[in-house]
Amino acid sequence: MRKLSFLVGLIAASGGAWALEANDADVVFLGEVHDNPAHHERQANWVAALAPKAVVYEMLTEAQALQVDPTLTEAGLAEALDWENSGWPDFSMYYPIFEASSQARVYGAVVPRSEVRSIKERSLDEVFGRDADRFGLTQGLPQDQQEAREAMQMEAHCNALPEVMLPMMVDIQRLRDAALARAAVAAYAETGGPVVVITGNGHARKDWGAPATLKAAAPDVVIYTLGQGEDGHDAPDGGFDALAFSPPAEREDPCAAFK
């Protein structure tokens, strides 16, 4: 019955032809462009259709995840999470996802800022700690991937970063990928799944993001990934199982401060 209701619900919610594949997955990564409201609306629709046992949020720490209470109002939950000081886009975009997953266990995957900053002096495996080898942080990347990821970091930061910082920025991305994968592994082990992961497209990419890290750490886990793009822009790279597009969000030029 769950499979049938999921299939009907997902097709109705997203107009996609991917429902059967997503329904068979243990962990579903739902990518986003963080400030696009339509992307969060689609995520909420998918979550409602999937009825996951657990949801992992890139935006929450483990401590914040414990504060999620489905009886709270939107304003009450935003206050409990101290969302105003989180640096993420307006909570009204994310609240429908929490509403859609009110019966799910919530997990946070934020790497504390103090740990991120410590990458300047410590190796990736030291910062990550437990199970660093399992999540691929004791080895370097292939040279071509390292170069590609450094180029992406430069572009993402408006070509304004000193080149000496690029390897560290790639390490930070890998650290966050591994944190998402570790949280997803824990969520699946503790709830039996399905698990949904809410994160940006960069972390959701299947070729080298958190799904790839998860697959290496837990080869038997079946993974499905959705990337979300914007009309008139190139499709997000990453070997996603499915892509969906929405109108672009209204935003100021993110590179204006560097001009």
C-alpha atoms as a PDB file:
ATOM      1  CA  MET A   1       0.000   0.000   0.000  1.00  0.00           C
ATOM      2  CA  ARG A   2       2.837   2.433   0.804  1.00  0.00           C
ATOM      3  CA  LYS A   3       4.334   1.873  -2.643  1.00  0.00           C
ATOM      4  CA  LEU A   4       1.064   2.611  -4.387  1.00  0.00           C
ATOM      5  CA  SER A   5       0.277   5.688  -2.297  1.00  0.00           C
ATOM      6  CA  PHE A   6       3.811   6.943  -2.756  1.00  0.00           C
ATOM      7  CA  LEU A   7       3.662   6.509  -6.517  1.00  0.00           C
ATOM      8  CA  VAL A   8       0.379   8.378  -6.802  1.00  0.00           C
ATOM      9  CA  GLY A   9       1.461  11.084  -4.377  1.00  0.00           C
ATOM     10  CA  LEU A  10       4.823  11.733  -5.959  1.00  0.00           C
ATOM     11  CA  ILE A  11       3.488  11.932  -9.493  1.00  0.00           C
ATOM     12  CA  ALA A  12       0.813  14.342  -8.296  1.00  0.00           C
ATOM     13  CA  ALA A  13       3.285  16.412  -6.310  1.00  0.00           C
ATOM     14  CA  SER A  14       6.094  16.683  -8.823  1.00  0.00           C
ATOM     15  CA  GLY A  15       4.840  15.598 -12.207  1.00  0.00           C
ATOM     16  CA  GLY A  16       7.879  13.335 -12.410  1.00  0.00           C
ATOM     17  CA  ALA A  17       8.341   9.915 -13.998  1.00  0.00           C
ATOM     18  CA  TRP A  18      10.870   8.854 -11.360  1.00  0.00           C
ATOM     19  CA  ALA A  19       8.503   7.684  -8.630  1.00  0.00           C
ATOM     20  CA  LEU A  20       9.181   3.960  -8.875  1.00  0.00           C
ATOM     21  CA  GLU A  21      12.957   4.374  -8.630  1.00  0.00           C
ATOM     22  CA  ALA A  22      12.728   6.780  -5.690  1.00  0.00           C
ATOM     23  CA  ASN A  23      10.271   4.492  -3.937  1.00  0.00           C
ATOM     24  CA  ASP A  24      12.818   1.665  -3.937  1.00  0.00           C
ATOM     25  CA  ALA A  25      15.547   3.797  -2.338  1.00  0.00           C
ATOM     26  CA  ASP A  26      16.680   3.605   1.270  1.00  0.00           C
ATOM     27  CA  VAL A  27      18.070   7.156   1.254  1.00  0.00           C
ATOM     28  CA  VAL A  28      16.775   9.949  -0.994  1.00  0.00           C
ATOM     29  CA  PHE A  29      18.838  13.122  -1.382  1.00  0.00           C
ATOM     30  CA  LEU A  30      16.747  16.162  -2.316  1.00  0.00           C
ATOM     31  CA  GLY A  31      19.010  18.924  -3.601  1.00  0.00           C
ATOM     32  CA  GLU A  32      18.190  22.612  -3.694  1.00  0.00           C
ATOM     33  CA  VAL A  33      19.368  26.085  -4.513  1.00  0.00           C
ATOM     34  CA  HIS A  34      19.106  27.416  -0.986  1.00  0.00           C
ATOM     35  CA  ASP A  35      17.235  30.664  -1.687  1.00  0.00           C
ATOM     36  CA  ASN A  36      14.724  29.300  -4.209  1.00  0.00           C
ATOM     37  CA  PRO A  37      11.279  28.933  -2.578  1.00  0.00           C
ATOM     38  CA  ALA A  38      10.021  26.637  -5.334  1.00  0.00           C
ATOM     39  CA  HIS A  39      12.790  24.152  -4.597  1.00  0.00           C
ATOM     40  CA  HIS A  40      11.692  23.910  -0.974  1.00  0.00           C
ATOM     41  CA  GLU A  41       8.076  23.531  -2.030  1.00  0.00           C
ATOM     42  CA  ARG A  42       9.078  20.605  -4.217  1.00  0.00           C
ATOM     43  CA  GLN A  43      11.102  19.085  -1.366  1.00  0.00           C
ATOM     44  CA  ALA A  44       8.076  19.336   0.921  1.00  0.00           C
ATOM     45  CA  ASN A  45       5.923  17.609  -1.698  1.00  0.00           C
ATOM     46  CA  TRP A  46       8.425  14.802  -2.081  1.00  0.00           C
ATOM     47  CA  VAL A  47       8.739  14.386   1.681  1.00  0.00           C
ATOM     48  CA  ALA A  48       4.967  14.218   2.054  1.00  0.00           C
ATOM     49  CA  ALA A  49       4.806  11.553  -0.655  1.00  0.00           C
ATOM     50  CA  LEU A  50       7.753   9.527   0.667  1.00  0.00           C
ATOM     51  CA  ALA A  51       6.651   9.604   4.319  1.00  0.00           C
ATOM     52  CA  PRO A  52      10.247   8.985   5.485  1.00  0.00           C
ATOM     53  CA  LYS A  53      11.092   7.586   8.899  1.00  0.00           C
ATOM     54  CA  ALA A  54      13.906  10.135   9.214  1.00  0.00           C
ATOM     55  CA  VAL A  55      14.970  13.446   7.678  1.00  0.00           C
ATOM     56  CA  VAL A  56      18.558  14.695   7.740  1.00  0.00           C
ATOM     57  CA  TYR A  57      19.044  18.451   7.417  1.00  0.00           C
ATOM     58  CA  GLU A  58      22.258  20.101   6.259  1.00  0.00           C
ATOM     59  CA  MET A  59      20.967  23.202   8.069  1.00  0.00           C
ATOM     60  CA  LEU A  60      20.712  21.774  11.593  1.00  0.00           C
ATOM     61  CA  THR A  61      23.228  20.825  14.231  1.00  0.00           C
ATOM     62  CA  GLU A  62      22.662  17.664  16.239  1.00  0.00           C
ATOM     63  CA  ALA A  63      21.575  19.844  19.183  1.00  0.00           C
ATOM     64  CA  GLN A  64      19.089  21.772  17.035  1.00  0.00           C
ATOM     65  CA  ALA A  65      17.621  18.538  15.670  1.00  0.00           C
ATOM     66  CA  LEU A  66      16.673  17.593  19.225  1.00  0.00           C
ATOM     67  CA  GLN A  67      14.673  20.833  19.517  1.00  0.00           C
ATOM     68  CA  VAL A  68      12.348  20.002  16.624  1.00  0.00           C
ATOM     69  CA  ASP A  69       8.846  19.554  18.036  1.00  0.00           C
ATOM     70  CA  PRO A  70       5.943  19.003  15.597  1.00  0.00           C
ATOM     71  CA  THR A  71       3.554  20.710  18.020  1.00  0.00           C
ATOM     72  CA  LEU A  72       5.358  24.042  17.655  1.00  0.00           C
ATOM     73  CA  THR A  73       4.051  26.753  15.359  1.00  0.00           C
ATOM     74  CA  GLU A  74       6.228  28.057  12.546  1.00  0.00           C
ATOM     75  CA  ALA A  75       7.326  30.994  14.688  1.00  0.00           C
ATOM     76  CA  GLY A  76       7.875  28.760  17.695  1.00  0.00           C
ATOM     77  CA  LEU A  77      10.042  26.314  15.776  1.00  0.00           C
ATOM     78  CA  ALA A  78      12.068  29.106  14.192  1.00  0.00           C
ATOM     79  CA  GLU A  79      12.719  30.494  17.668  1.00  0.00           C
ATOM     80  CA  ALA A  80      13.624  27.084  19.091  1.00  0.00           C
ATOM     81  CA  LEU A  81      16.156  26.617  16.284  1.00  0.00           C
ATOM     82  CA  ASP A  82      17.449  30.204  16.540  1.00  0.00           C
ATOM     83  CA  TRP A  83      16.983  30.276  12.786  1.00  0.00           C
ATOM     84  CA  GLU A  84      17.304  34.048  12.578  1.00  0.00           C
ATOM     85  CA  ASN A  85      20.979  33.742  13.473  1.00  0.00           C
ATOM     86  CA  SER A  86      21.671  30.643  11.413  1.00  0.00           C
ATOM     87  CA  GLY A  87      22.623  32.347   8.141  1.00  0.00           C
ATOM     88  CA  TRP A  88      20.121  30.269   6.143  1.00  0.00           C
ATOM     89  CA  PRO A  89      17.327  31.791   4.001  1.00  0.00           C
ATOM     90  CA  ASP A  90      13.974  32.688   5.530  1.00  0.00           C
ATOM     91  CA  PHE A  91      12.494  29.916   7.669  1.00  0.00           C
ATOM     92  CA  SER A  92       9.161  30.181   5.848  1.00  0.00           C
ATOM     93  CA  MET A  93      10.807  28.359   2.936  1.00  0.00           C
ATOM     94  CA  TYR A  94      11.836  25.407   5.099  1.00  0.00           C
ATOM     95  CA  TYR A  95       8.899  25.114   7.475  1.00  0.00           C
ATOM     96  CA  PRO A  96       6.666  23.194   4.997  1.00  0.00           C
ATOM     97  CA  ILE A  97       9.323  20.454   4.930  1.00  0.00           C
ATOM     98  CA  PHE A  98       9.135  20.143   8.713  1.00  0.00           C
ATOM     99  CA  GLU A  99       5.337  20.076   8.469  1.00  0.00           C
ATOM    100  CA  ALA A 100       5.431  17.346   5.835  1.00  0.00           C
ATOM    101  CA  SER A 101       7.708  15.182   7.995  1.00  0.00           C
ATOM    102  CA  SER A 102       6.071  15.673  11.384  1.00  0.00           C
ATOM    103  CA  GLN A 103       6.180  11.932  12.106  1.00  0.00           C
ATOM    104  CA  ALA A 104       9.828  11.535  11.097  1.00  0.00           C
ATOM    105  CA  ARG A 105      12.867  11.549  13.343  1.00  0.00           C
ATOM    106  CA  VAL A 106      15.049  14.601  12.654  1.00  0.00           C
ATOM    107  CA  TYR A 107      18.835  14.518  12.314  1.00  0.00           C
ATOM    108  CA  GLY A 108      21.273  17.405  12.022  1.00  0.00           C
ATOM    109  CA  ALA A 109      24.498  17.266  10.024  1.00  0.00           C
ATOM    110  CA  VAL A 110      26.066  20.695  10.537  1.00  0.00           C
ATOM    111  CA  VAL A 111      29.803  20.636  11.170  1.00  0.00           C
ATOM    112  CA  PRO A 112      30.424  23.185  13.965  1.00  0.00           C
ATOM    113  CA  ARG A 113      32.209  26.317  12.773  1.00  0.00           C
ATOM    114  CA  SER A 114      35.028  25.770  15.243  1.00  0.00           C
ATOM    115  CA  GLU A 115      35.744  22.389  13.650  1.00  0.00           C
ATOM    116  CA  VAL A 116      35.559  23.830  10.144  1.00  0.00           C
ATOM    117  CA  ARG A 117      38.042  26.544  11.076  1.00  0.00           C
ATOM    118  CA  SER A 118      40.392  23.985  12.579  1.00  0.00           C
ATOM    119  CA  ILE A 119      41.041  22.543   9.103  1.00  0.00           C
ATOM    120  CA  LYS A 120      43.696  25.240   8.789  1.00  0.00           C
ATOM    121  CA  GLU A 121      45.821  23.392  11.343  1.00  0.00           C
ATOM    122  CA  ARG A 122      44.478  19.825  11.312  1.00  0.00           C
ATOM    123  CA  SER A 123      43.985  17.083   8.749  1.00  0.00           C
ATOM    124  CA  LEU A 124      40.534  16.112   7.526  1.00  0.00           C
ATOM    125  CA  ASP A 125      40.542  12.809   9.377  1.00  0.00           C
ATOM    126  CA  GLU A 126      41.546  14.511  12.627  1.00  0.00           C
ATOM    127  CA  VAL A 127      38.727  17.029  12.341  1.00  0.00           C
ATOM    128  CA  PHE A 128      36.112  14.416  11.422  1.00  0.00           C
ATOM    129  CA  GLY A 129      37.255  11.965  14.079  1.00  0.00           C
ATOM    130  CA  ARG A 130      35.394   8.682  14.419  1.00  0.00           C
ATOM    131  CA  ASP A 131      35.110   6.608  11.221  1.00  0.00           C
ATOM    132  CA  ALA A 132      37.138   9.029   9.090  1.00  0.00           C
ATOM    133  CA  ASP A 133      38.530   6.128   7.081  1.00  0.00           C
ATOM    134  CA  ARG A 134      35.076   4.652   6.485  1.00  0.00           C
ATOM    135  CA  PHE A 135      33.874   7.971   5.071  1.00  0.00           C
ATOM    136  CA  GLY A 136      36.866   8.443   2.791  1.00  0.00           C
ATOM    137  CA  LEU A 137      38.693  11.232   4.612  1.00  0.00           C
ATOM    138  CA  THR A 138      42.042   9.531   5.078  1.00  0.00           C
ATOM    139  CA  GLN A 139      42.862   9.635   1.364  1.00  0.00           C
ATOM    140  CA  GLY A 140      43.298  12.448  -1.126  1.00  0.00           C
ATOM    141  CA  LEU A 141      41.151  12.935  -4.201  1.00  0.00           C
ATOM    142  CA  PRO A 142      42.177  11.934  -7.731  1.00  0.00           C
ATOM    143  CA  GLN A 143      44.080  14.844  -9.266  1.00  0.00           C
ATOM    144  CA  ASP A 144      41.491  15.578 -11.955  1.00  0.00           C
ATOM    145  CA  GLN A 145      38.689  15.695  -9.405  1.00  0.00           C
ATOM    146  CA  GLN A 146      40.742  17.870  -7.052  1.00  0.00           C
ATOM    147  CA  GLU A 147      41.386  20.355  -9.852  1.00  0.00           C
ATOM    148  CA  ALA A 148      37.741  20.353 -10.943  1.00  0.00           C
ATOM    149  CA  ARG A 149      36.538  20.933  -7.409  1.00  0.00           C
ATOM    150  CA  GLU A 150      39.006  23.744  -6.828  1.00  0.00           C
ATOM    151  CA  ALA A 151      37.823  25.415 -10.027  1.00  0.00           C
ATOM    152  CA  MET A 152      34.218  25.111  -8.854  1.00  0.00           C
ATOM    153  CA  GLN A 153      35.092  26.655  -5.496  1.00  0.00           C
ATOM    154  CA  MET A 154      36.780  29.562  -7.247  1.00  0.00           C
ATOM    155  CA  GLU A 155      33.728  30.140  -9.439  1.00  0.00           C
ATOM    156  CA  ALA A 156      31.341  29.784  -6.482  1.00  0.00           C
ATOM    157  CA  HIS A 157      33.287  32.493  -4.671  1.00  0.00           C
ATOM    158  CA  CYS A 158      33.162  34.914  -7.616  1.00  0.00           C
ATOM    159  CA  ASN A 159      36.773  34.205  -8.638  1.00  0.00           C
ATOM    160  CA  ALA A 160      37.836  36.264  -5.625  1.00  0.00           C
ATOM    161  CA  LEU A 161      39.548  33.636  -3.478  1.00  0.00           C
ATOM    162  CA  PRO A 162      43.337  33.463  -3.229  1.00  0.00           C
ATOM    163  CA  GLU A 163      44.384  30.260  -4.965  1.00  0.00           C
ATOM    164  CA  VAL A 164      46.159  29.097  -1.828  1.00  0.00           C
ATOM    165  CA  MET A 165      42.752  28.773  -0.128  1.00  0.00           C
ATOM    166  CA  LEU A 166      41.203  26.474  -2.715  1.00  0.00           C
ATOM    167  CA  PRO A 167      42.460  23.134  -1.330  1.00  0.00           C
ATOM    168  CA  MET A 168      41.078  24.065   2.092  1.00  0.00           C
ATOM    169  CA  MET A 169      37.696  24.985   0.581  1.00  0.00           C
ATOM    170  CA  VAL A 170      37.548  21.589  -1.111  1.00  0.00           C
ATOM    171  CA  ASP A 171      38.409  19.928   2.202  1.00  0.00           C
ATOM    172  CA  ILE A 172      35.559  21.782   3.893  1.00  0.00           C
ATOM    173  CA  GLN A 173      33.156  20.543   1.222  1.00  0.00           C
ATOM    174  CA  ARG A 174      34.388  16.978   1.718  1.00  0.00           C
ATOM    175  CA  LEU A 175      34.016  17.317   5.482  1.00  0.00           C
ATOM    176  CA  ARG A 176      30.415  18.421   5.109  1.00  0.00           C
ATOM    177  CA  ASP A 177      29.705  15.646   2.590  1.00  0.00           C
ATOM    178  CA  ALA A 178      31.022  13.114   5.085  1.00  0.00           C
ATOM    179  CA  ALA A 179      28.977  14.610   7.921  1.00  0.00           C
ATOM    180  CA  LEU A 180      25.806  14.304   5.836  1.00  0.00           C
ATOM    181  CA  ALA A 181      26.673  10.727   4.910  1.00  0.00           C
ATOM    182  CA  ARG A 182      27.391   9.799   8.536  1.00  0.00           C
ATOM    183  CA  ALA A 183      24.073  11.275   9.664  1.00  0.00           C
ATOM    184  CA  ALA A 184      22.250   9.391   6.901  1.00  0.00           C
ATOM    185  CA  VAL A 185      23.925   6.118   7.912  1.00  0.00           C
ATOM    186  CA  ALA A 186      22.885   6.672  11.527  1.00  0.00           C
ATOM    187  CA  ALA A 187      19.339   7.623  10.531  1.00  0.00           C
ATOM    188  CA  TYR A 188      18.938   4.526   8.377  1.00  0.00           C
ATOM    189  CA  ALA A 189      20.416   2.209  11.019  1.00  0.00           C
ATOM    190  CA  GLU A 190      18.232   3.623  13.785  1.00  0.00           C
ATOM    191  CA  THR A 191      14.915   3.935  11.916  1.00  0.00           C
ATOM    192  CA  GLY A 192      15.125   1.408   9.078  1.00  0.00           C
ATOM    193  CA  GLY A 193      14.373   4.131   6.530  1.00  0.00           C
ATOM    194  CA  PRO A 194      13.422   5.480   4.193  1.00  0.00           C
ATOM    195  CA  VAL A 195      15.587   8.507   4.934  1.00  0.00           C
ATOM    196  CA  VAL A 196      15.415  11.865   3.166  1.00  0.00           C
ATOM    197  CA  VAL A 197      18.385  14.243   3.145  1.00  0.00           C
ATOM    198  CA  ILE A 198      17.698  17.958   2.634  1.00  0.00           C
ATOM    199  CA  THR A 199      20.788  19.689   1.283  1.00  0.00           C
ATOM    200  CA  GLY A 200      22.228  21.878  -1.444  1.00  0.00           C
ATOM    201  CA  ASN A 201      22.816  20.545  -4.933  1.00  0.00           C
ATOM    202  CA  GLY A 202      26.577  20.521  -4.383  1.00  0.00           C
ATOM    203  CA  HIS A 203      26.305  18.085  -1.502  1.00  0.00           C
ATOM    204  CA  ALA A 204      23.550  16.052  -3.171  1.00  0.00           C
ATOM    205  CA  ARG A 205      25.484  15.292  -6.358  1.00  0.00           C
ATOM    206  CA  LYS A 206      25.795  11.550  -6.840  1.00  0.00           C
ATOM    207  CA  ASP A 207      29.204  11.461  -8.489  1.00  0.00           C
ATOM    208  CA  TRP A 208      31.301  12.914  -5.671  1.00  0.00           C
ATOM    209  CA  GLY A 209      29.041  14.471  -3.042  1.00  0.00           C
ATOM    210  CA  ALA A 210      27.489  13.002   0.087  1.00  0.00           C
ATOM    211  CA  PRO A 211      25.741  10.180  -1.836  1.00  0.00           C
ATOM    212  CA  ALA A 212      29.103   8.928  -3.138  1.00  0.00           C
ATOM    213  CA  THR A 213      30.559   9.111   0.366  1.00  0.00           C
ATOM    214  CA  LEU A 214      27.545   7.254   1.734  1.00  0.00           C
ATOM    215  CA  LYS A 215      27.791   4.575  -0.947  1.00  0.00           C
ATOM    216  CA  ALA A 216      31.449   3.951  -0.132  1.00  0.00           C
ATOM    217  CA  ALA A 217      30.664   3.716   3.584  1.00  0.00           C
ATOM    218  CA  ALA A 218      27.511   1.595   3.243  1.00  0.00           C
ATOM    219  CA  PRO A 219      27.529  -0.181  -0.137  1.00  0.00           C
ATOM    220  CA  ASP A 220      24.225  -1.991   0.404  1.00  0.00           C
ATOM    221  CA  VAL A 221      22.216   1.194   0.948  1.00  0.00           C
ATOM    222  CA  VAL A 222      20.118   2.090  -2.102  1.00  0.00           C
ATOM    223  CA  ILE A 223      20.439   5.793  -2.913  1.00  0.00           C
ATOM    224  CA  TYR A 224      18.376   8.133  -5.088  1.00  0.00           C
ATOM    225  CA  THR A 225      19.220  11.759  -5.853  1.00  0.00           C
ATOM    226  CA  LEU A 226      17.219  14.742  -7.086  1.00  0.00           C
ATOM    227  CA  GLY A 227      18.980  17.877  -8.317  1.00  0.00           C
ATOM    228  CA  GLN A 228      17.071  21.124  -8.751  1.00  0.00           C
ATOM    229  CA  GLY A 229      17.914  23.769 -11.302  1.00  0.00           C
ATOM    230  CA  GLU A 230      16.485  27.090 -12.416  1.00  0.00           C
ATOM    231  CA  ASP A 231      14.862  27.886 -15.751  1.00  0.00           C
ATOM    232  CA  GLY A 232      17.265  29.538 -18.164  1.00  0.00           C
ATOM    233  CA  HIS A 233      20.354  28.218 -16.370  1.00  0.00           C
ATOM    234  CA  ASP A 234      22.506  25.169 -16.977  1.00  0.00           C
ATOM    235  CA  ALA A 235      21.397  21.961 -15.300  1.00  0.00           C
ATOM    236  CA  PRO A 236      23.294  21.199 -12.097  1.00  0.00           C
ATOM    237  CA  ASP A 237      26.136  18.758 -12.618  1.00  0.00           C
ATOM    238  CA  GLY A 238      26.500  15.666 -10.509  1.00  0.00           C
ATOM    239  CA  GLY A 239      25.030  12.538 -12.079  1.00  0.00           C
ATOM    240  CA  PHE A 240      21.641  13.031 -10.417  1.00  0.00           C
ATOM    241  CA  ASP A 241      19.005  10.364 -10.901  1.00  0.00           C
ATOM    242  CA  ALA A 242      16.471  13.086 -11.689  1.00  0.00           C
ATOM    243  CA  LEU A 243      16.474  16.811 -12.368  1.00  0.00           C
ATOM    244  CA  ALA A 244      13.661  19.308 -11.815  1.00  0.00           C
ATOM    245  CA  PHE A 245      13.517  22.983 -12.732  1.00  0.00           C
ATOM    246  CA  SER A 246      11.765  26.032 -11.310  1.00  0.00           C
ATOM    247  CA  PRO A 247      11.702  29.752 -12.093  1.00  0.00           C
ATOM    248  CA  PRO A 248      14.807  31.548 -10.822  1.00  0.00           C
ATOM    249  CA  ALA A 249      14.629  33.118  -7.389  1.00  0.00           C
ATOM    250  CA  GLU A 250      14.827  36.889  -7.169  1.00  0.00           C
ATOM    251  CA  ARG A 251      18.241  37.712  -5.749  1.00  0.00           C
ATOM    252  CA  GLU A 252      20.853  40.413  -5.801  1.00  0.00           C
ATOM    253  CA  ASP A 253      24.115  39.814  -7.643  1.00  0.00           C
ATOM    254  CA  PRO A 254      26.080  37.630  -5.174  1.00  0.00           C
ATOM    255  CA  CYS A 255      29.349  38.903  -6.651  1.00  0.00           C
ATOM    256  CA  ALA A 256      28.494  42.592  -6.319  1.00  0.00           C
ATOM    257  CA  ALA A 257      30.556  42.923  -3.145  1.00  0.00           C
ATOM    258  CA  PHE A 258      33.676  41.814  -5.022  1.00  0.00           C
ATOM    259  CA  LYS A 259      33.328  44.329  -7.875  1.00  0.00           C
END
